Amino acid sequence: MIGRIFPHPLLSVLLTAVWLGLVNKVTPGNLLLGGILGIVVPIMTAPYWPRRAKIGRPLRVIEYFMIVLWDIVVANVEVAMIILFKRNRNIHSHWITVPLELTSPEAITVLAGTITMTPGTVSAMLAADGSSILVHCLHTDDPDGVRDQIKSRYEWRLREIFQ
């Protein structure tokens, strides 16, 4: 019974919190409406989630989150330096194909989102068979190094998280 009302309990809590953040005011009415959205949206979308992703190592999620935050800060500084001081001279942008060992659609989605959130890189396309992802890098002299960094910093952790 509870599983039918709350097919994705964490999503319900997250939707309620996002709603309260969007309205920027915690009132009983906003809390009620956020709660209703938190119940109705997961129920309506449950048929599109045939199987839930299993998180194998929950502490890796925290580690992954901290690494991504650090990489976003560092990349912001690097991109700012490129924009402010290179003035479009000597910028070597590259298209990089990153072969994937990930098989979970959720893990591939998180990886693509991570690449895009990190300034200076954008995940542009996923191969039809899910075996590789095409990434555009704003500036690098070592495309293979960028590919190896994506695999070593993000992909192996996601493999452990989404076993």
Protein backbone atom coordinates (compact mmCIF):
# COMPACT_ATOMS: atom_id res chain seq x y z
CA MET A 1 0.00 0.00 0.00
CA ILE A 2 2.71 2.48 0.98
CA GLY A 3 4.73 1.51 -2.11
CA ARG A 4 1.81 2.47 -4.34
CA ILE A 5 1.39 5.88 -2.71
CA PHE A 6 5.13 6.54 -2.54
CA PRO A 7 6.72 4.63 -5.45
CA HIS A 8 9.83 6.79 -5.15
CA PRO A 9 9.97 8.23 -1.62
CA LEU A 10 13.23 10.13 -2.07
CA LEU A 11 11.85 11.76 -5.22
CA SER A 12 8.74 12.77 -3.26
CA VAL A 13 10.84 14.47 -0.59
CA LEU A 14 13.07 16.09 -3.23
CA LEU A 15 10.09 17.45 -5.19
CA THR A 16 8.57 18.89 -2.03
CA ALA A 17 11.87 20.55 -1.11
CA VAL A 18 12.35 21.91 -4.63
CA TRP A 19 8.83 23.32 -4.60
CA LEU A 20 9.45 25.07 -1.29
CA GLY A 21 12.72 26.43 -2.67
CA LEU A 22 10.99 27.73 -5.78
CA VAL A 23 8.24 29.55 -3.93
CA ASN A 24 10.83 30.78 -1.40
CA LYS A 25 8.35 30.76 1.45
CA VAL A 26 7.40 27.98 3.84
CA THR A 27 3.70 28.25 4.61
CA PRO A 28 1.17 25.51 5.33
CA GLY A 29 -0.36 26.00 1.87
CA ASN A 30 2.99 25.76 0.09
CA LEU A 31 3.94 22.74 2.16
CA LEU A 32 0.62 21.08 1.31
CA LEU A 33 0.95 21.83 -2.41
CA GLY A 34 4.59 20.63 -2.40
CA GLY A 35 3.51 17.45 -0.64
CA ILE A 36 0.74 16.87 -3.18
CA LEU A 37 3.22 17.38 -6.03
CA GLY A 38 5.64 15.07 -4.25
CA ILE A 39 3.00 12.34 -4.22
CA VAL A 40 1.28 12.88 -7.58
CA VAL A 41 4.33 13.33 -9.84
CA PRO A 42 6.05 10.05 -8.81
CA ILE A 43 2.77 8.14 -9.11
CA MET A 44 2.18 9.52 -12.61
CA THR A 45 5.75 8.83 -13.74
CA ALA A 46 6.12 5.39 -12.07
CA PRO A 47 5.27 3.48 -15.30
CA TYR A 48 8.28 5.11 -16.96
CA TRP A 49 10.62 3.74 -14.28
CA PRO A 50 10.48 -0.01 -14.96
CA ARG A 51 13.38 -0.72 -12.62
CA ARG A 52 15.05 1.43 -10.04
CA ALA A 53 18.75 2.06 -10.05
CA LYS A 54 20.51 0.32 -7.20
CA ILE A 55 23.14 2.33 -5.37
CA GLY A 56 25.91 -0.07 -4.40
CA ARG A 57 28.19 2.16 -2.32
CA PRO A 58 26.33 5.09 -0.73
CA LEU A 59 29.50 6.70 0.68
CA ARG A 60 30.90 6.88 -2.86
CA VAL A 61 28.00 9.22 -3.69
CA ILE A 62 29.30 11.75 -1.15
CA GLU A 63 32.85 11.35 -2.45
CA TYR A 64 31.64 11.75 -6.05
CA PHE A 65 29.64 14.84 -5.14
CA MET A 66 32.62 16.48 -3.43
CA ILE A 67 34.95 15.71 -6.36
CA VAL A 68 32.45 17.14 -8.85
CA LEU A 69 32.04 20.30 -6.75
CA TRP A 70 35.82 20.73 -6.58
CA ASP A 71 36.18 20.14 -10.32
CA ILE A 72 33.47 22.72 -11.06
CA VAL A 73 35.27 25.34 -8.96
CA VAL A 74 38.65 24.61 -10.56
CA ALA A 75 37.17 24.54 -14.08
CA ASN A 76 35.42 27.88 -13.49
CA VAL A 77 38.76 29.46 -12.63
CA GLU A 78 40.46 27.84 -15.63
CA VAL A 79 37.75 28.97 -18.06
CA ALA A 80 37.83 32.49 -16.61
CA MET A 81 41.60 32.61 -17.14
CA ILE A 82 41.19 31.41 -20.73
CA ILE A 83 38.51 34.00 -21.47
CA LEU A 84 40.22 36.89 -19.70
CA PHE A 85 43.80 36.35 -20.74
CA LYS A 86 43.98 34.25 -23.90
CA ARG A 87 41.62 36.48 -25.89
CA ASN A 88 40.84 33.63 -28.32
CA ARG A 89 44.52 33.13 -29.13
CA ASN A 90 46.02 29.71 -28.79
CA ILE A 91 42.76 28.07 -27.74
CA HIS A 92 42.85 24.43 -28.76
CA SER A 93 39.35 23.02 -28.61
CA HIS A 94 38.87 19.32 -29.31
CA TRP A 95 36.16 16.74 -29.82
CA ILE A 96 36.96 13.72 -27.68
CA THR A 97 35.36 10.29 -27.82
CA VAL A 98 35.21 8.71 -24.39
CA PRO A 99 34.61 4.94 -24.49
CA LEU A 100 32.25 3.86 -21.72
CA GLU A 101 32.34 0.85 -19.47
CA LEU A 102 29.11 1.98 -17.80
CA THR A 103 25.98 0.07 -18.73
CA SER A 104 23.37 1.60 -16.43
CA PRO A 105 21.36 4.36 -18.15
CA GLU A 106 21.26 6.27 -14.87
CA ALA A 107 25.05 6.15 -14.50
CA ILE A 108 25.56 7.28 -18.10
CA THR A 109 23.12 10.15 -17.51
CA VAL A 110 24.96 11.24 -14.36
CA LEU A 111 28.29 11.09 -16.22
CA ALA A 112 26.95 13.16 -19.13
CA GLY A 113 25.48 15.69 -16.71
CA THR A 114 28.73 15.89 -14.76
CA ILE A 115 30.73 16.53 -17.92
CA THR A 116 28.32 19.26 -18.99
CA MET A 117 28.19 20.90 -15.54
CA THR A 118 31.96 21.21 -15.47
CA PRO A 119 32.81 24.45 -17.31
CA GLY A 120 34.94 23.96 -20.39
CA THR A 121 33.45 20.59 -21.34
CA VAL A 122 30.13 19.58 -22.86
CA SER A 123 28.80 16.10 -23.47
CA ALA A 124 27.39 16.36 -26.97
CA MET A 125 26.25 12.90 -28.05
CA LEU A 126 25.90 9.37 -26.80
CA ALA A 127 26.56 6.54 -29.23
CA ALA A 128 23.42 4.63 -30.20
CA ASP A 129 24.70 1.49 -28.49
CA GLY A 130 25.81 3.44 -25.39
CA SER A 131 29.44 2.43 -25.84
CA SER A 132 30.90 5.95 -25.99
CA ILE A 133 30.12 9.59 -25.40
CA LEU A 134 31.28 12.52 -27.51
CA VAL A 135 32.68 15.40 -25.44
CA HIS A 136 33.70 18.87 -26.58
CA CYS A 137 36.56 20.39 -24.63
CA LEU A 138 37.08 24.16 -24.81
CA HIS A 139 40.84 24.09 -24.38
CA THR A 140 43.34 21.28 -24.08
CA ASP A 141 46.70 20.34 -25.49
CA ASP A 142 46.16 16.70 -24.44
CA PRO A 143 42.79 15.25 -25.59
CA ASP A 144 43.81 11.77 -24.43
CA GLY A 145 44.54 13.19 -20.99
CA VAL A 146 41.03 14.69 -20.81
CA ARG A 147 39.54 11.33 -21.80
CA ASP A 148 41.64 9.53 -19.19
CA GLN A 149 40.72 12.10 -16.54
CA ILE A 150 36.99 11.62 -17.21
CA LYS A 151 37.40 7.87 -16.90
CA SER A 152 39.61 8.00 -13.81
CA ARG A 153 37.80 10.73 -11.87
CA TYR A 154 34.19 10.01 -12.72
CA GLU A 155 33.48 6.77 -14.54
CA TRP A 156 35.00 4.27 -12.14
CA ARG A 157 33.24 5.90 -9.19
CA LEU A 158 29.93 5.77 -11.04
CA ARG A 159 30.55 2.08 -11.80
CA GLU A 160 30.89 1.48 -8.08
CA ILE A 161 27.87 3.62 -7.21
CA PHE A 162 25.56 2.05 -9.82
CA GLN A 163 26.60 -1.61 -9.55
